[in-house]
Amino acid sequence: QEKNLFDYIYNSVEMVCDYLEIDTQIVKSSTIDIDHSLKSQDKVIAINKKLNSTKYINPIGGRELYNVESFKSQGIKLQFLESEIPIYRQFSDEFIPYLSIIDVMMFNSKEEVKDMLNGYKLV
């Protein structure tokens, strides 16, 4: 029923977390008192500084977006999460990795998904 895309996605993330029993607090960046005209890396650094973060972990695709030295100069250690996704059965014979958590959940038990979430390395 939701017509606002952000609210729809936010609700979906909350539902996935509930299902997988992930109790990490999710904070909407719009509720953090920073200069919201900032973009990209500058906005992420501002959020981390406001939250007194000393470490920021981003998915591996962010290597092309974020500069380790820029974060380091602000006292924030930047690391990237590299998932180790095992091959699992999908609809076709060809395995297509990294589709979405929903794809993983469709084809694997709750416990298998929870185990997969622990398969990563920080680089």
PDB file of N, CA and C in Angstrom:
ATOM      1  N   GLN A   1       0.813  -1.212   0.000  1.00  0.00           N
ATOM      2  CA  GLN A   1       0.000   0.000   0.000  1.00  0.00           C
ATOM      3  C   GLN A   1       0.850   1.268   0.000  1.00  0.00           C
ATOM      4  N   GLU A   2       2.097   1.157   0.434  1.00  0.00           N
ATOM      5  CA  GLU A   2       2.955   2.343   0.558  1.00  0.00           C
ATOM      6  C   GLU A   2       3.274   2.929  -0.807  1.00  0.00           C
ATOM      7  N   LYS A   3       3.129   4.253  -0.928  1.00  0.00           N
ATOM      8  CA  LYS A   3       3.399   4.923  -2.198  1.00  0.00           C
ATOM      9  C   LYS A   3       4.743   5.656  -2.202  1.00  0.00           C
ATOM     10  N   ASN A   4       5.303   5.904  -1.027  1.00  0.00           N
ATOM     11  CA  ASN A   4       6.601   6.554  -0.909  1.00  0.00           C
ATOM     12  C   ASN A   4       7.690   5.497  -1.044  1.00  0.00           C
ATOM     13  N   LEU A   5       8.558   5.632  -2.049  1.00  0.00           N
ATOM     14  CA  LEU A   5       9.567   4.612  -2.328  1.00  0.00           C
ATOM     15  C   LEU A   5      10.500   4.383  -1.150  1.00  0.00           C
ATOM     16  N   PHE A   6      10.965   5.472  -0.509  1.00  0.00           N
ATOM     17  CA  PHE A   6      11.869   5.304   0.630  1.00  0.00           C
ATOM     18  C   PHE A   6      11.189   4.502   1.731  1.00  0.00           C
ATOM     19  N   ASP A   7       9.958   4.861   2.079  1.00  0.00           N
ATOM     20  CA  ASP A   7       9.248   4.153   3.143  1.00  0.00           C
ATOM     21  C   ASP A   7       9.024   2.689   2.790  1.00  0.00           C
ATOM     22  N   TYR A   8       8.755   2.417   1.512  1.00  0.00           N
ATOM     23  CA  TYR A   8       8.567   1.047   1.051  1.00  0.00           C
ATOM     24  C   TYR A   8       9.858   0.244   1.247  1.00  0.00           C
ATOM     25  N   ILE A   9      10.979   0.810   0.818  1.00  0.00           N
ATOM     26  CA  ILE A   9      12.273   0.120   0.947  1.00  0.00           C
ATOM     27  C   ILE A   9      12.649  -0.039   2.411  1.00  0.00           C
ATOM     28  N   TYR A  10      12.452   1.014   3.194  1.00  0.00           N
ATOM     29  CA  TYR A  10      12.770   0.970   4.629  1.00  0.00           C
ATOM     30  C   TYR A  10      11.969  -0.143   5.311  1.00  0.00           C
ATOM     31  N   ASN A  11      10.689  -0.218   4.994  1.00  0.00           N
ATOM     32  CA  ASN A  11       9.834  -1.259   5.562  1.00  0.00           C
ATOM     33  C   ASN A  11      10.321  -2.641   5.135  1.00  0.00           C
ATOM     34  N   SER A  12      10.738  -2.779   3.886  1.00  0.00           N
ATOM     35  CA  SER A  12      11.246  -4.058   3.396  1.00  0.00           C
ATOM     36  C   SER A  12      12.502  -4.481   4.155  1.00  0.00           C
ATOM     37  N   VAL A  13      13.402  -3.526   4.386  1.00  0.00           N
ATOM     38  CA  VAL A  13      14.627  -3.820   5.141  1.00  0.00           C
ATOM     39  C   VAL A  13      14.273  -4.256   6.565  1.00  0.00           C
ATOM     40  N   GLU A  14      13.334  -3.559   7.185  1.00  0.00           N
ATOM     41  CA  GLU A  14      12.915  -3.937   8.542  1.00  0.00           C
ATOM     42  C   GLU A  14      12.314  -5.345   8.569  1.00  0.00           C
ATOM     43  N   MET A  15      11.520  -5.687   7.559  1.00  0.00           N
ATOM     44  CA  MET A  15      10.904  -7.016   7.503  1.00  0.00           C
ATOM     45  C   MET A  15      11.955  -8.115   7.327  1.00  0.00           C
ATOM     46  N   VAL A  16      12.953  -7.860   6.477  1.00  0.00           N
ATOM     47  CA  VAL A  16      14.035  -8.832   6.288  1.00  0.00           C
ATOM     48  C   VAL A  16      14.796  -9.007   7.597  1.00  0.00           C
ATOM     49  N   CYS A  17      15.103  -7.911   8.261  1.00  0.00           N
ATOM     50  CA  CYS A  17      15.820  -7.983   9.543  1.00  0.00           C
ATOM     51  C   CYS A  17      15.006  -8.753  10.584  1.00  0.00           C
ATOM     52  N   ASP A  18      13.713  -8.477  10.649  1.00  0.00           N
ATOM     53  CA  ASP A  18      12.856  -9.207  11.595  1.00  0.00           C
ATOM     54  C   ASP A  18      12.894 -10.705  11.304  1.00  0.00           C
ATOM     55  N   TYR A  19      12.724 -11.068  10.044  1.00  0.00           N
ATOM     56  CA  TYR A  19      12.706 -12.472   9.650  1.00  0.00           C
ATOM     57  C   TYR A  19      14.012 -13.176  10.015  1.00  0.00           C
ATOM     58  N   LEU A  20      15.132 -12.496   9.762  1.00  0.00           N
ATOM     59  CA  LEU A  20      16.448 -13.094  10.006  1.00  0.00           C
ATOM     60  C   LEU A  20      16.960 -12.853  11.425  1.00  0.00           C
ATOM     61  N   GLU A  21      16.120 -12.232  12.262  1.00  0.00           N
ATOM     62  CA  GLU A  21      16.460 -11.956  13.663  1.00  0.00           C
ATOM     63  C   GLU A  21      17.714 -11.103  13.793  1.00  0.00           C
ATOM     64  N   ILE A  22      17.795 -10.086  12.952  1.00  0.00           N
ATOM     65  CA  ILE A  22      18.895  -9.121  13.007  1.00  0.00           C
ATOM     66  C   ILE A  22      18.381  -7.928  13.801  1.00  0.00           C
ATOM     67  N   ASP A  23      19.041  -7.607  14.909  1.00  0.00           N
ATOM     68  CA  ASP A  23      18.533  -6.545  15.771  1.00  0.00           C
ATOM     69  C   ASP A  23      19.377  -5.272  15.745  1.00  0.00           C
ATOM     70  N   THR A  24      20.103  -5.068  14.671  1.00  0.00           N
ATOM     71  CA  THR A  24      20.905  -3.856  14.510  1.00  0.00           C
ATOM     72  C   THR A  24      19.982  -2.645  14.371  1.00  0.00           C
ATOM     73  N   GLN A  25      20.291  -1.596  15.100  1.00  0.00           N
ATOM     74  CA  GLN A  25      19.501  -0.374  15.003  1.00  0.00           C
ATOM     75  C   GLN A  25      19.727   0.277  13.639  1.00  0.00           C
ATOM     76  N   ILE A  26      18.649   0.668  12.997  1.00  0.00           N
ATOM     77  CA  ILE A  26      18.724   1.351  11.714  1.00  0.00           C
ATOM     78  C   ILE A  26      18.307   2.798  11.949  1.00  0.00           C
ATOM     79  N   VAL A  27      19.174   3.724  11.548  1.00  0.00           N
ATOM     80  CA  VAL A  27      18.916   5.144  11.736  1.00  0.00           C
ATOM     81  C   VAL A  27      18.774   5.796  10.367  1.00  0.00           C
ATOM     82  N   LYS A  28      17.714   6.526  10.174  1.00  0.00           N
ATOM     83  CA  LYS A  28      17.516   7.259   8.923  1.00  0.00           C
ATOM     84  C   LYS A  28      18.454   8.461   8.928  1.00  0.00           C
ATOM     85  N   SER A  29      19.252   8.610   7.885  1.00  0.00           N
ATOM     86  CA  SER A  29      20.218   9.709   7.847  1.00  0.00           C
ATOM     87  C   SER A  29      19.524  11.072   7.908  1.00  0.00           C
ATOM     88  N   SER A  30      18.280  11.137   7.457  1.00  0.00           N
ATOM     89  CA  SER A  30      17.550  12.410   7.485  1.00  0.00           C
ATOM     90  C   SER A  30      17.264  12.890   8.913  1.00  0.00           C
ATOM     91  N   THR A  31      17.390  11.990   9.898  1.00  0.00           N
ATOM     92  CA  THR A  31      17.150  12.371  11.290  1.00  0.00           C
ATOM     93  C   THR A  31      18.424  12.840  11.994  1.00  0.00           C
ATOM     94  N   ILE A  32      19.563  12.775  11.302  1.00  0.00           N
ATOM     95  CA  ILE A  32      20.844  13.163  11.892  1.00  0.00           C
ATOM     96  C   ILE A  32      21.121  14.619  11.547  1.00  0.00           C
ATOM     97  N   ASP A  33      21.504  15.382  12.556  1.00  0.00           N
ATOM     98  CA  ASP A  33      21.710  16.827  12.403  1.00  0.00           C
ATOM     99  C   ASP A  33      23.057  17.122  11.725  1.00  0.00           C
ATOM    100  N   ILE A  34      23.017  17.106  10.387  1.00  0.00           N
ATOM    101  CA  ILE A  34      24.183  17.453   9.573  1.00  0.00           C
ATOM    102  C   ILE A  34      23.709  18.371   8.452  1.00  0.00           C
ATOM    103  N   ASP A  35      24.650  18.845   7.664  1.00  0.00           N
ATOM    104  CA  ASP A  35      24.317  19.629   6.471  1.00  0.00           C
ATOM    105  C   ASP A  35      23.848  18.658   5.389  1.00  0.00           C
ATOM    106  N   HIS A  36      22.541  18.611   5.154  1.00  0.00           N
ATOM    107  CA  HIS A  36      21.990  17.632   4.221  1.00  0.00           C
ATOM    108  C   HIS A  36      22.175  18.021   2.756  1.00  0.00           C
ATOM    109  N   SER A  37      22.821  19.152   2.518  1.00  0.00           N
ATOM    110  CA  SER A  37      23.157  19.485   1.130  1.00  0.00           C
ATOM    111  C   SER A  37      24.448  18.777   0.703  1.00  0.00           C
ATOM    112  N   LEU A  38      25.167  18.216   1.682  1.00  0.00           N
ATOM    113  CA  LEU A  38      26.377  17.450   1.357  1.00  0.00           C
ATOM    114  C   LEU A  38      25.997  16.228   0.534  1.00  0.00           C
ATOM    115  N   LYS A  39      26.905  15.795  -0.294  1.00  0.00           N
ATOM    116  CA  LYS A  39      26.660  14.640  -1.162  1.00  0.00           C
ATOM    117  C   LYS A  39      27.751  13.597  -0.993  1.00  0.00           C
ATOM    118  N   SER A  40      27.420  12.376  -1.348  1.00  0.00           N
ATOM    119  CA  SER A  40      28.356  11.282  -1.501  1.00  0.00           C
ATOM    120  C   SER A  40      29.285  11.125  -0.287  1.00  0.00           C
ATOM    121  N   GLN A  41      30.577  11.030  -0.544  1.00  0.00           N
ATOM    122  CA  GLN A  41      31.569  10.799   0.504  1.00  0.00           C
ATOM    123  C   GLN A  41      31.514  11.857   1.602  1.00  0.00           C
ATOM    124  N   ASP A  42      31.329  13.117   1.229  1.00  0.00           N
ATOM    125  CA  ASP A  42      31.291  14.186   2.226  1.00  0.00           C
ATOM    126  C   ASP A  42      30.132  13.994   3.202  1.00  0.00           C
ATOM    127  N   LYS A  43      28.998  13.542   2.692  1.00  0.00           N
ATOM    128  CA  LYS A  43      27.841  13.305   3.553  1.00  0.00           C
ATOM    129  C   LYS A  43      28.089  12.116   4.478  1.00  0.00           C
ATOM    130  N   VAL A  44      28.668  11.056   3.956  1.00  0.00           N
ATOM    131  CA  VAL A  44      28.964   9.880   4.772  1.00  0.00           C
ATOM    132  C   VAL A  44      29.950  10.237   5.889  1.00  0.00           C
ATOM    133  N   ILE A  45      30.959  11.004   5.570  1.00  0.00           N
ATOM    134  CA  ILE A  45      31.932  11.428   6.588  1.00  0.00           C
ATOM    135  C   ILE A  45      31.248  12.293   7.637  1.00  0.00           C
ATOM    136  N   ALA A  46      30.398  13.215   7.220  1.00  0.00           N
ATOM    137  CA  ALA A  46      29.683  14.082   8.165  1.00  0.00           C
ATOM    138  C   ALA A  46      28.801  13.262   9.110  1.00  0.00           C
ATOM    139  N   ILE A  47      28.119  12.269   8.577  1.00  0.00           N
ATOM    140  CA  ILE A  47      27.278  11.398   9.412  1.00  0.00           C
ATOM    141  C   ILE A  47      28.136  10.653  10.422  1.00  0.00           C
ATOM    142  N   ASN A  48      29.244  10.091   9.961  1.00  0.00           N
ATOM    143  CA  ASN A  48      30.126   9.362  10.871  1.00  0.00           C
ATOM    144  C   ASN A  48      30.693  10.260  11.956  1.00  0.00           C
ATOM    145  N   LYS A  49      31.073  11.470  11.604  1.00  0.00           N
ATOM    146  CA  LYS A  49      31.604  12.405  12.597  1.00  0.00           C
ATOM    147  C   LYS A  49      30.527  12.769  13.617  1.00  0.00           C
ATOM    148  N   LYS A  50      29.311  13.021  13.144  1.00  0.00           N
ATOM    149  CA  LYS A  50      28.207  13.378  14.041  1.00  0.00           C
ATOM    150  C   LYS A  50      27.901  12.244  15.017  1.00  0.00           C
ATOM    151  N   LEU A  51      28.063  11.003  14.556  1.00  0.00           N
ATOM    152  CA  LEU A  51      27.792   9.833  15.401  1.00  0.00           C
ATOM    153  C   LEU A  51      29.030   9.372  16.181  1.00  0.00           C
ATOM    154  N   ASN A  52      30.113  10.157  16.088  1.00  0.00           N
ATOM    155  CA  ASN A  52      31.364   9.834  16.772  1.00  0.00           C
ATOM    156  C   ASN A  52      31.920   8.470  16.367  1.00  0.00           C
ATOM    157  N   SER A  53      31.744   8.116  15.109  1.00  0.00           N
ATOM    158  CA  SER A  53      32.239   6.840  14.599  1.00  0.00           C
ATOM    159  C   SER A  53      33.745   6.895  14.383  1.00  0.00           C
ATOM    160  N   THR A  54      34.394   5.791  14.633  1.00  0.00           N
ATOM    161  CA  THR A  54      35.818   5.672  14.332  1.00  0.00           C
ATOM    162  C   THR A  54      36.050   4.665  13.214  1.00  0.00           C
ATOM    163  N   LYS A  55      34.956   3.970  12.803  1.00  0.00           N
ATOM    164  CA  LYS A  55      35.056   2.983  11.729  1.00  0.00           C
ATOM    165  C   LYS A  55      33.785   3.042  10.892  1.00  0.00           C
ATOM    166  N   TYR A  56      33.953   2.949   9.562  1.00  0.00           N
ATOM    167  CA  TYR A  56      32.824   2.896   8.644  1.00  0.00           C
ATOM    168  C   TYR A  56      33.038   1.717   7.711  1.00  0.00           C
ATOM    169  N   ILE A  57      32.038   0.832   7.630  1.00  0.00           N
ATOM    170  CA  ILE A  57      32.110  -0.347   6.766  1.00  0.00           C
ATOM    171  C   ILE A  57      31.076  -0.194   5.667  1.00  0.00           C
ATOM    172  N   ASN A  58      31.529  -0.311   4.440  1.00  0.00           N
ATOM    173  CA  ASN A  58      30.675  -0.139   3.268  1.00  0.00           C
ATOM    174  C   ASN A  58      30.766  -1.397   2.401  1.00  0.00           C
ATOM    175  N   PRO A  59      29.726  -1.728   1.644  1.00  0.00           N
ATOM    176  CA  PRO A  59      29.851  -2.849   0.706  1.00  0.00           C
ATOM    177  C   PRO A  59      31.006  -2.623  -0.273  1.00  0.00           C
ATOM    178  N   ILE A  60      31.535  -3.702  -0.792  1.00  0.00           N
ATOM    179  CA  ILE A  60      32.745  -3.679  -1.623  1.00  0.00           C
ATOM    180  C   ILE A  60      32.615  -2.750  -2.832  1.00  0.00           C
ATOM    181  N   GLY A  61      31.413  -2.572  -3.356  1.00  0.00           N
ATOM    182  CA  GLY A  61      31.213  -1.690  -4.506  1.00  0.00           C
ATOM    183  C   GLY A  61      31.590  -0.248  -4.226  1.00  0.00           C
ATOM    184  N   GLY A  62      31.664   0.124  -2.952  1.00  0.00           N
ATOM    185  CA  GLY A  62      32.017   1.486  -2.575  1.00  0.00           C
ATOM    186  C   GLY A  62      33.475   1.832  -2.775  1.00  0.00           C
ATOM    187  N   ARG A  63      34.286   0.847  -3.116  1.00  0.00           N
ATOM    188  CA  ARG A  63      35.710   1.124  -3.368  1.00  0.00           C
ATOM    189  C   ARG A  63      35.882   2.185  -4.441  1.00  0.00           C
ATOM    190  N   GLU A  64      34.951   2.210  -5.375  1.00  0.00           N
ATOM    191  CA  GLU A  64      35.023   3.196  -6.463  1.00  0.00           C
ATOM    192  C   GLU A  64      34.466   4.555  -6.051  1.00  0.00           C
ATOM    193  N   LEU A  65      33.764   4.597  -4.916  1.00  0.00           N
ATOM    194  CA  LEU A  65      33.118   5.837  -4.477  1.00  0.00           C
ATOM    195  C   LEU A  65      33.866   6.559  -3.364  1.00  0.00           C
ATOM    196  N   TYR A  66      34.498   5.798  -2.485  1.00  0.00           N
ATOM    197  CA  TYR A  66      35.070   6.371  -1.276  1.00  0.00           C
ATOM    198  C   TYR A  66      36.585   6.218  -1.235  1.00  0.00           C
ATOM    199  N   ASN A  67      37.243   7.240  -0.686  1.00  0.00           N
ATOM    200  CA  ASN A  67      38.694   7.274  -0.603  1.00  0.00           C
ATOM    201  C   ASN A  67      39.129   7.015   0.836  1.00  0.00           C
ATOM    202  N   VAL A  68      39.908   5.959   1.035  1.00  0.00           N
ATOM    203  CA  VAL A  68      40.359   5.558   2.365  1.00  0.00           C
ATOM    204  C   VAL A  68      41.078   6.704   3.072  1.00  0.00           C
ATOM    205  N   GLU A  69      41.935   7.421   2.347  1.00  0.00           N
ATOM    206  CA  GLU A  69      42.716   8.506   2.952  1.00  0.00           C
ATOM    207  C   GLU A  69      41.824   9.670   3.411  1.00  0.00           C
ATOM    208  N   SER A  70      40.767   9.958   2.680  1.00  0.00           N
ATOM    209  CA  SER A  70      39.842  11.033   3.077  1.00  0.00           C
ATOM    210  C   SER A  70      39.176  10.703   4.402  1.00  0.00           C
ATOM    211  N   PHE A  71      38.782   9.457   4.582  1.00  0.00           N
ATOM    212  CA  PHE A  71      38.175   9.036   5.846  1.00  0.00           C
ATOM    213  C   PHE A  71      39.227   9.055   6.954  1.00  0.00           C
ATOM    214  N   LYS A  72      40.405   8.533   6.644  1.00  0.00           N
ATOM    215  CA  LYS A  72      41.488   8.467   7.631  1.00  0.00           C
ATOM    216  C   LYS A  72      41.841   9.856   8.151  1.00  0.00           C
ATOM    217  N   SER A  73      41.851  10.847   7.268  1.00  0.00           N
ATOM    218  CA  SER A  73      42.193  12.215   7.686  1.00  0.00           C
ATOM    219  C   SER A  73      41.154  12.794   8.650  1.00  0.00           C
ATOM    220  N   GLN A  74      39.981  12.176   8.683  1.00  0.00           N
ATOM    221  CA  GLN A  74      38.916  12.612   9.600  1.00  0.00           C
ATOM    222  C   GLN A  74      38.817  11.704  10.829  1.00  0.00           C
ATOM    223  N   GLY A  75      39.796  10.798  10.981  1.00  0.00           N
ATOM    224  CA  GLY A  75      39.827   9.904  12.137  1.00  0.00           C
ATOM    225  C   GLY A  75      38.883   8.718  12.016  1.00  0.00           C
ATOM    226  N   ILE A  76      38.523   8.353  10.787  1.00  0.00           N
ATOM    227  CA  ILE A  76      37.584   7.258  10.550  1.00  0.00           C
ATOM    228  C   ILE A  76      38.277   6.189   9.704  1.00  0.00           C
ATOM    229  N   LYS A  77      38.267   4.954  10.200  1.00  0.00           N
ATOM    230  CA  LYS A  77      38.835   3.843   9.436  1.00  0.00           C
ATOM    231  C   LYS A  77      37.757   3.335   8.468  1.00  0.00           C
ATOM    232  N   LEU A  78      38.053   3.362   7.182  1.00  0.00           N
ATOM    233  CA  LEU A  78      37.131   2.889   6.153  1.00  0.00           C
ATOM    234  C   LEU A  78      37.512   1.467   5.748  1.00  0.00           C
ATOM    235  N   GLN A  79      36.536   0.567   5.828  1.00  0.00           N
ATOM    236  CA  GLN A  79      36.738  -0.809   5.377  1.00  0.00           C
ATOM    237  C   GLN A  79      35.593  -1.189   4.449  1.00  0.00           C
ATOM    238  N   PHE A  80      35.848  -2.219   3.662  1.00  0.00           N
ATOM    239  CA  PHE A  80      34.846  -2.687   2.712  1.00  0.00           C
ATOM    240  C   PHE A  80      34.501  -4.137   3.008  1.00  0.00           C
ATOM    241  N   LEU A  81      33.212  -4.414   2.961  1.00  0.00           N
ATOM    242  CA  LEU A  81      32.696  -5.746   3.230  1.00  0.00           C
ATOM    243  C   LEU A  81      32.596  -6.515   1.917  1.00  0.00           C
ATOM    244  N   GLU A  82      33.351  -7.588   1.835  1.00  0.00           N
ATOM    245  CA  GLU A  82      33.345  -8.427   0.645  1.00  0.00           C
ATOM    246  C   GLU A  82      32.643  -9.740   0.991  1.00  0.00           C
ATOM    247  N   SER A  83      31.445  -9.926   0.442  1.00  0.00           N
ATOM    248  CA  SER A  83      30.652 -11.122   0.721  1.00  0.00           C
ATOM    249  C   SER A  83      31.220 -12.334   0.018  1.00  0.00           C
ATOM    250  N   GLU A  84      31.106 -13.461   0.695  1.00  0.00           N
ATOM    251  CA  GLU A  84      31.510 -14.745   0.120  1.00  0.00           C
ATOM    252  C   GLU A  84      30.237 -15.565  -0.067  1.00  0.00           C
ATOM    253  N   ILE A  85      29.580 -15.379  -1.201  1.00  0.00           N
ATOM    254  CA  ILE A  85      28.299 -16.026  -1.455  1.00  0.00           C
ATOM    255  C   ILE A  85      28.511 -17.421  -2.037  1.00  0.00           C
ATOM    256  N   PRO A  86      28.020 -18.449  -1.332  1.00  0.00           N
ATOM    257  CA  PRO A  86      28.144 -19.796  -1.903  1.00  0.00           C
ATOM    258  C   PRO A  86      27.125 -19.985  -3.038  1.00  0.00           C
ATOM    259  N   ILE A  87      27.414 -20.901  -3.899  1.00  0.00           N
ATOM    260  CA  ILE A  87      26.478 -21.202  -4.987  1.00  0.00           C
ATOM    261  C   ILE A  87      25.284 -21.955  -4.393  1.00  0.00           C
ATOM    262  N   TYR A  88      24.093 -21.535  -4.751  1.00  0.00           N
ATOM    263  CA  TYR A  88      22.870 -22.211  -4.318  1.00  0.00           C
ATOM    264  C   TYR A  88      21.942 -22.364  -5.519  1.00  0.00           C
ATOM    265  N   ARG A  89      20.991 -23.264  -5.406  1.00  0.00           N
ATOM    266  CA  ARG A  89      20.063 -23.541  -6.490  1.00  0.00           C
ATOM    267  C   ARG A  89      19.136 -22.338  -6.694  1.00  0.00           C
ATOM    268  N   GLN A  90      19.001 -21.923  -7.937  1.00  0.00           N
ATOM    269  CA  GLN A  90      18.049 -20.889  -8.321  1.00  0.00           C
ATOM    270  C   GLN A  90      17.102 -21.497  -9.357  1.00  0.00           C
ATOM    271  N   PHE A  91      16.302 -20.687 -10.012  1.00  0.00           N
ATOM    272  CA  PHE A  91      15.362 -21.214 -11.002  1.00  0.00           C
ATOM    273  C   PHE A  91      16.049 -21.873 -12.188  1.00  0.00           C
ATOM    274  N   SER A  92      17.127 -21.273 -12.666  1.00  0.00           N
ATOM    275  CA  SER A  92      17.803 -21.815 -13.844  1.00  0.00           C
ATOM    276  C   SER A  92      19.019 -22.635 -13.429  1.00  0.00           C
ATOM    277  N   ASP A  93      19.617 -23.300 -14.406  1.00  0.00           N
ATOM    278  CA  ASP A  93      20.812 -24.094 -14.126  1.00  0.00           C
ATOM    279  C   ASP A  93      22.036 -23.225 -13.886  1.00  0.00           C
ATOM    280  N   GLU A  94      22.026 -22.014 -14.436  1.00  0.00           N
ATOM    281  CA  GLU A  94      23.155 -21.097 -14.273  1.00  0.00           C
ATOM    282  C   GLU A  94      22.967 -20.268 -13.000  1.00  0.00           C
ATOM    283  N   PHE A  95      23.975 -20.298 -12.113  1.00  0.00           N
ATOM    284  CA  PHE A  95      23.913 -19.522 -10.881  1.00  0.00           C
ATOM    285  C   PHE A  95      24.269 -18.067 -11.164  1.00  0.00           C
ATOM    286  N   ILE A  96      23.431 -17.158 -10.698  1.00  0.00           N
ATOM    287  CA  ILE A  96      23.683 -15.723 -10.849  1.00  0.00           C
ATOM    288  C   ILE A  96      23.879 -15.155  -9.445  1.00  0.00           C
ATOM    289  N   PRO A  97      25.108 -14.786  -9.098  1.00  0.00           N
ATOM    290  CA  PRO A  97      25.377 -14.290  -7.741  1.00  0.00           C
ATOM    291  C   PRO A  97      24.963 -12.826  -7.552  1.00  0.00           C
ATOM    292  N   TYR A  98      24.861 -12.434  -6.292  1.00  0.00           N
ATOM    293  CA  TYR A  98      24.657 -11.041  -5.874  1.00  0.00           C
ATOM    294  C   TYR A  98      23.367 -10.411  -6.394  1.00  0.00           C
ATOM    295  N   LEU A  99      22.300 -11.184  -6.535  1.00  0.00           N
ATOM    296  CA  LEU A  99      21.044 -10.592  -7.006  1.00  0.00           C
ATOM    297  C   LEU A  99      20.411  -9.743  -5.905  1.00  0.00           C
ATOM    298  N   SER A 100      20.065 -10.349  -4.787  1.00  0.00           N
ATOM    299  CA  SER A 100      19.511  -9.607  -3.651  1.00  0.00           C
ATOM    300  C   SER A 100      19.317 -10.568  -2.497  1.00  0.00           C
ATOM    301  N   ILE A 101      19.087 -10.016  -1.323  1.00  0.00           N
ATOM    302  CA  ILE A 101      18.810 -10.861  -0.164  1.00  0.00           C
ATOM    303  C   ILE A 101      17.496 -11.609  -0.376  1.00  0.00           C
ATOM    304  N   ILE A 102      16.581 -11.032  -1.121  1.00  0.00           N
ATOM    305  CA  ILE A 102      15.302 -11.700  -1.369  1.00  0.00           C
ATOM    306  C   ILE A 102      15.522 -12.961  -2.200  1.00  0.00           C
ATOM    307  N   ASP A 103      16.405 -12.892  -3.194  1.00  0.00           N
ATOM    308  CA  ASP A 103      16.733 -14.078  -3.977  1.00  0.00           C
ATOM    309  C   ASP A 103      17.322 -15.154  -3.074  1.00  0.00           C
ATOM    310  N   VAL A 104      18.248 -14.773  -2.221  1.00  0.00           N
ATOM    311  CA  VAL A 104      18.876 -15.729  -1.301  1.00  0.00           C
ATOM    312  C   VAL A 104      17.813 -16.359  -0.407  1.00  0.00           C
ATOM    313  N   MET A 105      16.897 -15.540   0.112  1.00  0.00           N
ATOM    314  CA  MET A 105      15.861 -16.040   1.009  1.00  0.00           C
ATOM    315  C   MET A 105      14.854 -16.949   0.290  1.00  0.00           C
ATOM    316  N   MET A 106      14.635 -16.720  -0.987  1.00  0.00           N
ATOM    317  CA  MET A 106      13.689 -17.550  -1.746  1.00  0.00           C
ATOM    318  C   MET A 106      14.169 -18.985  -1.882  1.00  0.00           C
ATOM    319  N   PHE A 107      15.476 -19.166  -1.963  1.00  0.00           N
ATOM    320  CA  PHE A 107      16.022 -20.476  -2.299  1.00  0.00           C
ATOM    321  C   PHE A 107      16.761 -21.163  -1.154  1.00  0.00           C
ATOM    322  N   ASN A 108      16.768 -20.552   0.015  1.00  0.00           N
ATOM    323  CA  ASN A 108      17.507 -21.116   1.140  1.00  0.00           C
ATOM    324  C   ASN A 108      16.685 -21.011   2.414  1.00  0.00           C
ATOM    325  N   SER A 109      16.949 -21.918   3.344  1.00  0.00           N
ATOM    326  CA  SER A 109      16.250 -21.866   4.631  1.00  0.00           C
ATOM    327  C   SER A 109      16.745 -20.658   5.435  1.00  0.00           C
ATOM    328  N   LYS A 110      15.978 -20.313   6.430  1.00  0.00           N
ATOM    329  CA  LYS A 110      16.342 -19.189   7.306  1.00  0.00           C
ATOM    330  C   LYS A 110      17.734 -19.412   7.913  1.00  0.00           C
ATOM    331  N   GLU A 111      18.001 -20.624   8.382  1.00  0.00           N
ATOM    332  CA  GLU A 111      19.300 -20.913   8.993  1.00  0.00           C
ATOM    333  C   GLU A 111      20.430 -20.849   7.968  1.00  0.00           C
ATOM    334  N   GLU A 112      20.190 -21.317   6.751  1.00  0.00           N
ATOM    335  CA  GLU A 112      21.207 -21.229   5.701  1.00  0.00           C
ATOM    336  C   GLU A 112      21.530 -19.776   5.376  1.00  0.00           C
ATOM    337  N   VAL A 113      20.502 -18.942   5.316  1.00  0.00           N
ATOM    338  CA  VAL A 113      20.709 -17.514   5.032  1.00  0.00           C
ATOM    339  C   VAL A 113      21.517 -16.883   6.155  1.00  0.00           C
ATOM    340  N   LYS A 114      21.160 -17.191   7.393  1.00  0.00           N
ATOM    341  CA  LYS A 114      21.895 -16.623   8.531  1.00  0.00           C
ATOM    342  C   LYS A 114      23.363 -17.045   8.496  1.00  0.00           C
ATOM    343  N   ASP A 115      23.623 -18.290   8.110  1.00  0.00           N
ATOM    344  CA  ASP A 115      25.013 -18.746   7.972  1.00  0.00           C
ATOM    345  C   ASP A 115      25.728 -17.984   6.862  1.00  0.00           C
ATOM    346  N   MET A 116      25.040 -17.755   5.743  1.00  0.00           N
ATOM    347  CA  MET A 116      25.638 -17.018   4.628  1.00  0.00           C
ATOM    348  C   MET A 116      26.014 -15.595   5.035  1.00  0.00           C
ATOM    349  N   LEU A 117      25.215 -14.994   5.897  1.00  0.00           N
ATOM    350  CA  LEU A 117      25.492 -13.618   6.318  1.00  0.00           C
ATOM    351  C   LEU A 117      26.804 -13.513   7.086  1.00  0.00           C
ATOM    352  N   ASN A 118      27.268 -14.626   7.622  1.00  0.00           N
ATOM    353  CA  ASN A 118      28.551 -14.633   8.320  1.00  0.00           C
ATOM    354  C   ASN A 118      29.723 -14.905   7.392  1.00  0.00           C
ATOM    355  N   GLY A 119      29.447 -15.118   6.112  1.00  0.00           N
ATOM    356  CA  GLY A 119      30.490 -15.399   5.140  1.00  0.00           C
ATOM    357  C   GLY A 119      30.951 -14.125   4.449  1.00  0.00           C
ATOM    358  N   TYR A 120      31.911 -13.452   5.036  1.00  0.00           N
ATOM    359  CA  TYR A 120      32.435 -12.217   4.462  1.00  0.00           C
ATOM    360  C   TYR A 120      33.842 -11.967   5.001  1.00  0.00           C
ATOM    361  N   LYS A 121      34.513 -11.043   4.360  1.00  0.00           N
ATOM    362  CA  LYS A 121      35.788 -10.558   4.914  1.00  0.00           C
ATOM    363  C   LYS A 121      35.807  -9.041   4.775  1.00  0.00           C
ATOM    364  N   LEU A 122      36.505  -8.405   5.677  1.00  0.00           N
ATOM    365  CA  LEU A 122      36.672  -6.959   5.640  1.00  0.00           C
ATOM    366  C   LEU A 122      38.015  -6.640   5.015  1.00  0.00           C
ATOM    367  N   VAL A 123      37.989  -5.795   3.994  1.00  0.00           N
ATOM    368  CA  VAL A 123      39.227  -5.413   3.319  1.00  0.00           C
ATOM    369  C   VAL A 123      39.387  -3.906   3.346  1.00  0.00           C
TER     370      VAL A 123
END
